[in-house]
C-alpha atoms as a PDB file:
ATOM      1  CA  MET A   1     -10.205 -45.818  28.787  1.00  0.00           C
ATOM      2  CA  SER A   2      -8.127 -42.909  27.550  1.00  0.00           C
ATOM      3  CA  GLY A   3      -8.327 -40.684  24.498  1.00  0.00           C
ATOM      4  CA  SER A   4      -9.779 -37.415  23.480  1.00  0.00           C
ATOM      5  CA  SER A   5     -13.315 -36.455  22.752  1.00  0.00           C
ATOM      6  CA  SER A   6     -14.216 -34.794  19.483  1.00  0.00           C
ATOM      7  CA  GLY A   7     -17.003 -32.764  21.073  1.00  0.00           C
ATOM      8  CA  GLY A   8     -17.234 -30.337  23.905  1.00  0.00           C
ATOM      9  CA  SER A   9     -15.009 -27.337  23.440  1.00  0.00           C
ATOM     10  CA  SER A  10     -15.610 -24.812  20.728  1.00  0.00           C
ATOM     11  CA  PRO A  11     -12.936 -22.837  18.898  1.00  0.00           C
ATOM     12  CA  PRO A  12     -11.971 -19.510  20.476  1.00  0.00           C
ATOM     13  CA  THR A  13     -14.054 -16.539  19.446  1.00  0.00           C
ATOM     14  CA  ALA A  14     -12.338 -14.305  16.913  1.00  0.00           C
ATOM     15  CA  GLN A  15     -11.035 -11.079  18.397  1.00  0.00           C
ATOM     16  CA  PRO A  16     -13.395  -8.173  17.638  1.00  0.00           C
ATOM     17  CA  CYS A  17     -12.227  -6.045  14.693  1.00  0.00           C
ATOM     18  CA  ARG A  18     -12.080  -2.924  16.872  1.00  0.00           C
ATOM     19  CA  ASP A  19      -9.601  -4.609  19.240  1.00  0.00           C
ATOM     20  CA  LEU A  20      -7.068  -5.873  16.677  1.00  0.00           C
ATOM     21  CA  GLU A  21      -3.565  -4.513  17.142  1.00  0.00           C
ATOM     22  CA  ILE A  22      -0.088  -5.826  16.390  1.00  0.00           C
ATOM     23  CA  LEU A  23       3.556  -4.782  16.314  1.00  0.00           C
ATOM     24  CA  THR A  24       5.224  -6.000  13.118  1.00  0.00           C
ATOM     25  CA  THR A  25       7.848  -5.319  10.481  1.00  0.00           C
ATOM     26  CA  LEU A  26       6.876  -4.358   6.936  1.00  0.00           C
ATOM     27  CA  ASN A  27       7.861  -6.978   4.380  1.00  0.00           C
ATOM     28  CA  SER A  28       9.350  -6.016   1.015  1.00  0.00           C
ATOM     29  CA  PRO A  29       9.406  -2.323   1.934  1.00  0.00           C
ATOM     30  CA  ASP A  30       9.808   0.138  -0.919  1.00  0.00           C
ATOM     31  CA  PRO A  31      13.125   1.971  -0.342  1.00  0.00           C
ATOM     32  CA  GLN A  32      11.848   5.098  -2.123  1.00  0.00           C
ATOM     33  CA  VAL A  33       8.828   5.276   0.220  1.00  0.00           C
ATOM     34  CA  LEU A  34      10.916   4.516   3.330  1.00  0.00           C
ATOM     35  CA  LYS A  35      13.109   7.539   2.548  1.00  0.00           C
ATOM     36  CA  LYS A  36      10.017   9.732   3.040  1.00  0.00           C
ATOM     37  CA  LEU A  37       9.057   8.233   6.420  1.00  0.00           C
ATOM     38  CA  LYS A  38      10.072   8.953   9.994  1.00  0.00           C
ATOM     39  CA  ALA A  39       9.045   7.680  13.427  1.00  0.00           C
ATOM     40  CA  ASN A  40       5.422   8.438  14.351  1.00  0.00           C
ATOM     41  CA  ASP A  41       4.291   8.836  10.718  1.00  0.00           C
ATOM     42  CA  CYS A  42       0.860   7.367  10.043  1.00  0.00           C
ATOM     43  CA  LEU A  43       0.332   4.859   7.221  1.00  0.00           C
ATOM     44  CA  THR A  44      -3.042   3.661   5.962  1.00  0.00           C
ATOM     45  CA  VAL A  45      -3.545  -0.110   6.132  1.00  0.00           C
ATOM     46  CA  LYS A  46      -5.540  -1.520   3.206  1.00  0.00           C
ATOM     47  CA  ALA A  47      -6.040  -4.622   1.104  1.00  0.00           C
ATOM     48  CA  HIS A  48      -3.760  -4.551  -1.936  1.00  0.00           C
ATOM     49  CA  ALA A  49      -4.272  -6.688  -5.037  1.00  0.00           C
ATOM     50  CA  VAL A  50      -1.196  -8.663  -6.076  1.00  0.00           C
ATOM     51  CA  GLY A  51      -2.179 -10.755  -9.066  1.00  0.00           C
ATOM     52  CA  LYS A  52      -5.365 -12.555  -8.043  1.00  0.00           C
ATOM     53  CA  GLN A  53      -4.565 -12.366  -4.324  1.00  0.00           C
ATOM     54  CA  LYS A  54      -5.308  -9.653  -1.801  1.00  0.00           C
ATOM     55  CA  VAL A  55      -2.561  -8.917   0.685  1.00  0.00           C
ATOM     56  CA  LEU A  56      -2.454  -6.541   3.607  1.00  0.00           C
ATOM     57  CA  ALA A  57      -0.279  -3.498   2.942  1.00  0.00           C
ATOM     58  CA  ALA A  58       0.666  -0.174   4.506  1.00  0.00           C
ATOM     59  CA  PHE A  59       0.313   2.890   2.268  1.00  0.00           C
ATOM     60  CA  HIS A  60       1.957   6.307   2.429  1.00  0.00           C
ATOM     61  CA  GLY A  61      -0.496   8.314   0.347  1.00  0.00           C
ATOM     62  CA  ASN A  62      -0.984   6.199  -2.806  1.00  0.00           C
ATOM     63  CA  ASP A  63       2.381   4.450  -2.484  1.00  0.00           C
ATOM     64  CA  VAL A  64       2.785   0.998  -0.950  1.00  0.00           C
ATOM     65  CA  ALA A  65       5.304   1.270   1.885  1.00  0.00           C
ATOM     66  CA  GLY A  66       5.360  -2.504   2.406  1.00  0.00           C
ATOM     67  CA  ALA A  67       3.360  -5.673   2.915  1.00  0.00           C
ATOM     68  CA  ILE A  68       2.069  -6.932   6.261  1.00  0.00           C
ATOM     69  CA  THR A  69       2.440 -10.685   6.516  1.00  0.00           C
ATOM     70  CA  ASP A  70       1.870 -11.167  10.234  1.00  0.00           C
ATOM     71  CA  ALA A  71      -0.157 -14.220  11.280  1.00  0.00           C
ATOM     72  CA  MET A  72      -3.077 -11.837  11.973  1.00  0.00           C
ATOM     73  CA  ALA A  73      -3.079 -10.427   8.410  1.00  0.00           C
ATOM     74  CA  SER A  74      -6.019 -12.578   7.294  1.00  0.00           C
ATOM     75  CA  ARG A  75      -8.119 -11.362  10.243  1.00  0.00           C
ATOM     76  CA  PHE A  76      -7.298  -7.736   9.374  1.00  0.00           C
ATOM     77  CA  LEU A  77      -8.359  -8.427   5.752  1.00  0.00           C
ATOM     78  CA  GLU A  78     -11.679  -9.899   6.970  1.00  0.00           C
ATOM     79  CA  CYS A  79     -12.311  -6.827   9.105  1.00  0.00           C
ATOM     80  CA  LEU A  80     -11.357  -4.419   6.308  1.00  0.00           C
ATOM     81  CA  ALA A  81     -13.878  -6.193   4.062  1.00  0.00           C
ATOM     82  CA  LYS A  82     -16.535  -5.499   6.730  1.00  0.00           C
ATOM     83  CA  GLY A  83     -15.707  -1.776   6.773  1.00  0.00           C
ATOM     84  CA  SER A  84     -13.153  -1.477   9.588  1.00  0.00           C
ATOM     85  CA  LYS A  85     -10.261   0.968   9.134  1.00  0.00           C
ATOM     86  CA  TYR A  86      -6.693   0.497  10.366  1.00  0.00           C
ATOM     87  CA  LYS A  87      -3.575   2.619  10.601  1.00  0.00           C
ATOM     88  CA  ALA A  88       0.077   1.735  11.010  1.00  0.00           C
ATOM     89  CA  THR A  89       2.245   4.046  13.092  1.00  0.00           C
ATOM     90  CA  VAL A  90       5.939   3.945  12.215  1.00  0.00           C
ATOM     91  CA  ILE A  91       7.902   2.894  15.301  1.00  0.00           C
ATOM     92  CA  SER A  92      11.363   2.915  13.761  1.00  0.00           C
ATOM     93  CA  ILE A  93      13.225   2.764  10.479  1.00  0.00           C
ATOM     94  CA  LYS A  94      16.708   1.258  10.410  1.00  0.00           C
ATOM     95  CA  GLY A  95      18.217   0.766   6.974  1.00  0.00           C
ATOM     96  CA  GLY A  96      15.628  -1.188   5.002  1.00  0.00           C
ATOM     97  CA  ARG A  97      13.666  -2.286   8.066  1.00  0.00           C
ATOM     98  CA  CYS A  98      10.469  -0.515   9.105  1.00  0.00           C
ATOM     99  CA  ASP A  99       8.727  -1.522  12.344  1.00  0.00           C
ATOM    100  CA  VAL A 100       5.105  -0.455  12.760  1.00  0.00           C
ATOM    101  CA  SER A 101       2.275  -0.651  15.262  1.00  0.00           C
ATOM    102  CA  ILE A 102      -1.097  -1.390  13.669  1.00  0.00           C
ATOM    103  CA  ASP A 103      -4.413  -0.613  15.314  1.00  0.00           C
ATOM    104  CA  HIS A 104      -8.000   0.448  14.638  1.00  0.00           C
ATOM    105  CA  GLY A 105      -8.489   3.935  13.246  1.00  0.00           C
ATOM    106  CA  SER A 106      -7.443   6.182  10.398  1.00  0.00           C
ATOM    107  CA  CYS A 107      -4.729   8.731   9.712  1.00  0.00           C
ATOM    108  CA  GLU A 108      -7.109  11.645   9.220  1.00  0.00           C
END
């Protein structure tokens, strides 16, 4: 008899908040903010209200540099809600594209 069992394995454990890190490209970057940035600049990663939704965004001071829509964004939002802090380090800026590395920590 063949088939699969509905029991047995459990879903993978969520990665600890402290260990989250990704390389990604900012979505809908603000051209005015990008003009102020250079490689190795530190951006603060926070939840940002857009209508009734919260999205993950990278901030340069009080200005939104761009949205973070990586598949891990929801996990980062969960961790932010629990008090974790994240920073995005600018890897490169080419035209309107801004690549960042996001990991645990703050810009201070």
